[in-house]
Amino acid sequence: MARTVKVAISVPTEGHTVPEALDSLMLLCMRLAKIQTESKLLKKDTQFEFYFQSMGRLFTPMARERLAEIALEMKMDYMLFLDDDMVIPVDTFEKLFRHEKDVVAALAFTRNAPHDPVIYQCKEGFEHGREYFVNLPVINYPKNQLMQCDAVGFGTVLIKMSVYEKMAKPYFMSTAPTGEDILFCYNAGKVGAKIFVDTSCKVGHLGNPKIVTESTFEEYHKDRETKKGPYVPKEDYENCK
């Protein structure tokens, strides 16, 4: 019997999507429409239904919160978060979905220099009478591999809705001194979710005015000595936390 997979394509937007991102999103939606149609007509074992939702002119954590609530109400199986400043290859969904992970992101980098990858190892503890939480970017990530980490940026990320069902609300809104995406991953990890990034699935981040990609990051870092956030295989880095 065929299974039906319902996916919410979820776009938080501040209301000023630039043409390059809009063109990318339109091409991706055309690809998803083709996947959905073929999966139904050819009666494939996995049949897809894609639903598009956006939330604009709203504080980004609140937009993500509301988009997640709507996806849960609609009984989606997955959410594909796409920020409105990303350039996304048309096969991005297929590459992320094939892993069938709780949370899996495409490889992206920060818009501003030094253009670090939005892949993080996190650590919390108690020192000098107060709690602390730090997240370090993974600079020396493995190329073209699926790797497990503690947190990822949500510019392009596929999330199983079952993760939300194990978590308490709010999912994204908080007063924590870190990004809502990093906080979500950290809290998801506490309920047993596994966080991954596919470094072979590369997306562009629209900078000002250039598009930030892996080659941008490598060019900036080629002469930069850094010890921040080395990649440590998952099986070896439990003692680093």
Protein backbone atom coordinates (compact mmCIF):
# COMPACT_ATOMS: atom_id res chain seq x y z
CA MET A 1 0.00 0.00 0.00
CA ALA A 2 1.37 3.41 -0.95
CA ARG A 3 2.14 5.90 1.79
CA THR A 4 1.24 9.56 1.44
CA VAL A 5 3.77 12.10 2.71
CA LYS A 6 2.40 15.59 3.34
CA VAL A 7 5.00 18.37 3.34
CA ALA A 8 4.46 22.01 4.34
CA ILE A 9 6.76 24.35 2.39
CA SER A 10 7.10 27.05 5.03
CA VAL A 11 8.54 30.49 4.33
CA PRO A 12 8.95 33.11 7.07
CA THR A 13 9.41 36.44 5.34
CA GLU A 14 9.93 40.03 6.39
CA GLY A 15 8.05 41.19 3.32
CA HIS A 16 10.91 42.19 1.01
CA THR A 17 11.94 39.00 -0.81
CA VAL A 18 14.57 39.81 -3.43
CA PRO A 19 14.18 38.65 -7.05
CA GLU A 20 16.92 35.99 -6.92
CA ALA A 21 15.27 34.29 -3.94
CA LEU A 22 11.82 34.56 -5.48
CA ASP A 23 13.01 33.03 -8.76
CA SER A 24 14.66 30.20 -6.83
CA LEU A 25 11.50 29.53 -4.84
CA MET A 26 9.31 29.51 -7.96
CA LEU A 27 11.58 26.98 -9.69
CA LEU A 28 11.60 24.79 -6.60
CA CYS A 29 7.79 24.85 -6.42
CA MET A 30 7.59 23.82 -10.08
CA ARG A 31 9.87 20.86 -9.31
CA LEU A 32 7.76 19.88 -6.30
CA ALA A 33 4.58 20.04 -8.39
CA LYS A 34 6.21 17.63 -10.86
CA ILE A 35 7.22 15.26 -8.04
CA GLN A 36 3.70 15.31 -6.59
CA THR A 37 2.01 14.71 -9.95
CA GLU A 38 4.33 11.89 -10.98
CA SER A 39 4.10 10.15 -7.62
CA LYS A 40 0.30 10.03 -7.95
CA LEU A 41 0.01 9.19 -11.67
CA LEU A 42 2.68 6.50 -11.53
CA LYS A 43 1.24 5.13 -8.28
CA LYS A 44 4.63 5.15 -6.58
CA ASP A 45 5.15 3.58 -3.16
CA THR A 46 5.65 7.06 -1.68
CA GLN A 47 3.20 9.70 -2.90
CA PHE A 48 3.72 13.35 -2.03
CA GLU A 49 1.40 16.23 -1.25
CA PHE A 50 3.01 19.66 -0.96
CA TYR A 51 1.36 22.63 0.70
CA PHE A 52 2.79 26.15 0.53
CA GLN A 53 2.53 28.51 3.50
CA SER A 54 4.19 31.83 4.23
CA MET A 55 4.12 34.21 7.17
CA GLY A 56 5.19 37.75 6.43
CA ARG A 57 6.00 41.05 8.15
CA LEU A 58 6.43 39.29 11.46
CA PHE A 59 9.27 38.71 13.92
CA THR A 60 11.00 35.60 12.54
CA PRO A 61 10.73 33.39 15.68
CA MET A 62 7.01 34.21 15.87
CA ALA A 63 6.59 33.48 12.15
CA ARG A 64 8.24 30.08 12.61
CA GLU A 65 6.04 29.42 15.66
CA ARG A 66 2.85 30.15 13.74
CA LEU A 67 3.94 28.18 10.67
CA ALA A 68 4.65 25.16 12.88
CA GLU A 69 1.24 25.47 14.54
CA ILE A 70 -0.50 25.55 11.16
CA ALA A 71 1.47 22.54 9.91
CA LEU A 72 0.46 20.59 13.01
CA GLU A 73 -3.18 21.60 12.56
CA MET A 74 -3.03 20.39 8.95
CA LYS A 75 -1.46 17.08 10.05
CA MET A 76 1.64 17.47 7.94
CA ASP A 77 4.37 14.83 8.04
CA TYR A 78 7.24 17.25 7.35
CA MET A 79 8.03 20.95 7.26
CA LEU A 80 10.55 22.34 4.80
CA PHE A 81 11.61 25.72 6.20
CA LEU A 82 12.97 28.05 3.52
CA ASP A 83 14.13 31.54 4.40
CA ASP A 84 13.35 34.23 1.84
CA ASP A 85 17.01 35.17 1.34
CA MET A 86 18.19 31.76 0.10
CA VAL A 87 19.03 30.49 -3.41
CA ILE A 88 17.89 26.88 -3.41
CA PRO A 89 18.71 24.23 -6.06
CA VAL A 90 15.58 22.56 -7.41
CA ASP A 91 16.56 19.10 -6.13
CA THR A 92 17.06 20.25 -2.54
CA PHE A 93 13.94 18.58 -1.17
CA GLU A 94 14.81 15.20 -2.67
CA LYS A 95 18.34 15.34 -1.28
CA LEU A 96 17.13 16.12 2.23
CA PHE A 97 14.13 13.77 2.23
CA ARG A 98 16.14 10.72 1.18
CA HIS A 99 17.84 10.70 4.60
CA GLU A 100 14.50 10.50 6.49
CA LYS A 101 16.07 12.17 9.56
CA ASP A 102 14.34 14.08 12.36
CA VAL A 103 16.02 17.34 11.37
CA VAL A 104 18.30 17.68 8.34
CA ALA A 105 19.60 20.92 6.85
CA ALA A 106 21.33 21.91 3.65
CA LEU A 107 24.81 23.43 3.85
CA ALA A 108 24.54 27.21 4.23
CA PHE A 109 26.74 30.02 5.50
CA THR A 110 26.24 33.30 7.31
CA ARG A 111 25.53 36.31 5.14
CA ASN A 112 28.18 38.46 6.79
CA ALA A 113 31.92 37.82 7.04
CA PRO A 114 33.57 35.56 8.07
CA HIS A 115 30.77 33.54 6.40
CA ASP A 116 30.90 30.66 8.87
CA PRO A 117 28.83 27.53 8.15
CA VAL A 118 25.59 27.44 10.13
CA ILE A 119 26.51 24.10 11.69
CA TYR A 120 26.98 24.12 15.44
CA GLN A 121 28.28 22.17 18.39
CA CYS A 122 26.66 23.32 21.63
CA LYS A 123 27.73 23.19 25.23
CA GLU A 124 26.02 24.18 28.45
CA GLY A 125 27.22 24.23 32.01
CA PHE A 126 27.48 26.16 35.25
CA GLU A 127 30.40 28.42 36.06
CA HIS A 128 31.08 31.41 38.34
CA GLY A 129 27.64 31.09 39.89
CA ARG A 130 25.66 31.15 36.68
CA GLU A 131 24.52 28.88 33.88
CA TYR A 132 25.97 29.29 30.40
CA PHE A 133 25.15 28.07 26.91
CA VAL A 134 27.54 28.43 24.00
CA ASN A 135 27.40 27.31 20.39
CA LEU A 136 30.49 27.11 18.18
CA PRO A 137 30.38 27.01 14.38
CA VAL A 138 31.84 23.84 12.89
CA ILE A 139 34.54 25.22 10.60
CA ASN A 140 36.26 21.99 9.59
CA TYR A 141 33.14 20.09 8.54
CA PRO A 142 33.43 16.95 6.37
CA LYS A 143 32.79 17.67 2.70
CA ASN A 144 29.88 16.09 0.81
CA GLN A 145 28.66 13.94 3.67
CA LEU A 146 25.73 13.53 5.99
CA MET A 147 27.00 14.59 9.42
CA GLN A 148 25.38 14.73 12.82
CA CYS A 149 25.70 17.90 14.90
CA ASP A 150 23.99 19.71 17.76
CA ALA A 151 22.28 22.48 15.81
CA VAL A 152 21.83 23.95 12.34
CA GLY A 153 20.61 27.20 10.86
CA PHE A 154 17.09 27.09 9.43
CA GLY A 155 17.68 28.78 6.08
CA THR A 156 16.88 25.43 4.42
CA VAL A 157 15.88 22.60 6.74
CA LEU A 158 13.52 19.61 6.64
CA ILE A 159 11.86 18.66 9.93
CA LYS A 160 9.67 15.69 10.82
CA MET A 161 6.46 16.86 12.48
CA SER A 162 6.83 14.04 15.02
CA VAL A 163 9.65 16.10 16.57
CA TYR A 164 7.21 18.89 17.44
CA GLU A 165 4.81 16.41 19.00
CA LYS A 166 7.44 15.45 21.57
CA MET A 167 8.30 19.06 22.46
CA ALA A 168 6.63 21.62 24.67
CA LYS A 169 5.53 24.99 23.28
CA PRO A 170 6.77 27.52 22.48
CA TYR A 171 9.01 25.92 19.89
CA PHE A 172 10.83 29.09 18.77
CA MET A 173 9.81 32.05 20.92
CA SER A 174 12.07 32.62 23.93
CA THR A 175 14.27 35.09 25.74
CA ALA A 176 17.34 32.86 25.36
CA PRO A 177 20.47 34.65 24.09
CA THR A 178 20.76 32.51 20.96
CA GLY A 179 19.02 32.08 17.62
CA GLU A 180 15.59 30.48 17.55
CA ASP A 181 16.84 27.79 15.17
CA ILE A 182 19.74 26.80 17.42
CA LEU A 183 17.46 26.78 20.46
CA PHE A 184 14.91 24.58 18.65
CA CYS A 185 17.61 22.05 17.74
CA TYR A 186 18.96 22.02 21.26
CA ASN A 187 15.52 21.43 22.78
CA ALA A 188 14.69 18.85 20.10
CA GLY A 189 17.86 16.99 21.05
CA LYS A 190 16.62 16.81 24.63
CA VAL A 191 13.58 14.80 23.50
CA GLY A 192 15.66 12.41 21.45
CA ALA A 193 15.68 14.04 18.01
CA LYS A 194 18.83 13.75 15.92
CA ILE A 195 20.14 16.78 14.05
CA PHE A 196 21.99 16.45 10.74
CA VAL A 197 23.36 18.50 7.88
CA ASP A 198 23.98 17.20 4.37
CA THR A 199 27.13 19.00 3.25
CA SER A 200 26.63 17.75 -0.30
CA CYS A 201 23.35 19.68 -0.49
CA LYS A 202 24.54 23.25 -0.92
CA VAL A 203 22.38 26.38 -0.92
CA GLY A 204 23.28 30.02 -1.41
CA HIS A 205 22.67 32.80 1.09
CA LEU A 206 21.98 36.15 -0.51
CA GLY A 207 24.56 38.53 0.86
CA ASN A 208 24.98 42.20 0.18
CA PRO A 209 25.32 42.16 -2.80
CA LYS A 210 26.87 38.72 -3.41
CA ILE A 211 25.51 35.21 -2.86
CA VAL A 212 27.40 33.49 -0.04
CA THR A 213 28.25 29.85 -0.86
CA GLU A 214 30.85 27.26 0.15
CA SER A 215 33.41 28.80 -2.21
CA THR A 216 32.90 32.20 -0.49
CA PHE A 217 33.58 30.61 2.87
CA GLU A 218 36.68 28.80 1.62
CA GLU A 219 38.07 31.94 -0.02
CA TYR A 220 37.63 33.94 3.17
CA HIS A 221 39.14 31.26 5.41
CA LYS A 222 42.08 30.11 3.30
CA ASP A 223 44.54 32.34 5.19
CA ARG A 224 42.63 32.50 8.45
CA GLU A 225 43.97 30.52 11.40
CA THR A 226 41.13 29.41 13.66
CA LYS A 227 40.55 26.88 16.38
CA LYS A 228 36.82 27.53 16.73
CA GLY A 229 34.45 24.63 16.38
CA PRO A 230 36.54 21.83 14.81
CA TYR A 231 34.46 18.98 13.44
CA VAL A 232 34.53 15.99 15.78
CA PRO A 233 32.77 12.77 14.68
CA LYS A 234 29.63 12.18 16.71
CA GLU A 235 30.93 9.02 18.31
CA ASP A 236 33.97 10.90 19.65
CA TYR A 237 32.61 14.21 20.86
CA GLU A 238 30.31 13.28 23.74
CA ASN A 239 33.16 14.18 26.12
CA CYS A 240 33.39 17.64 24.51
CA LYS A 241 30.01 18.69 25.87
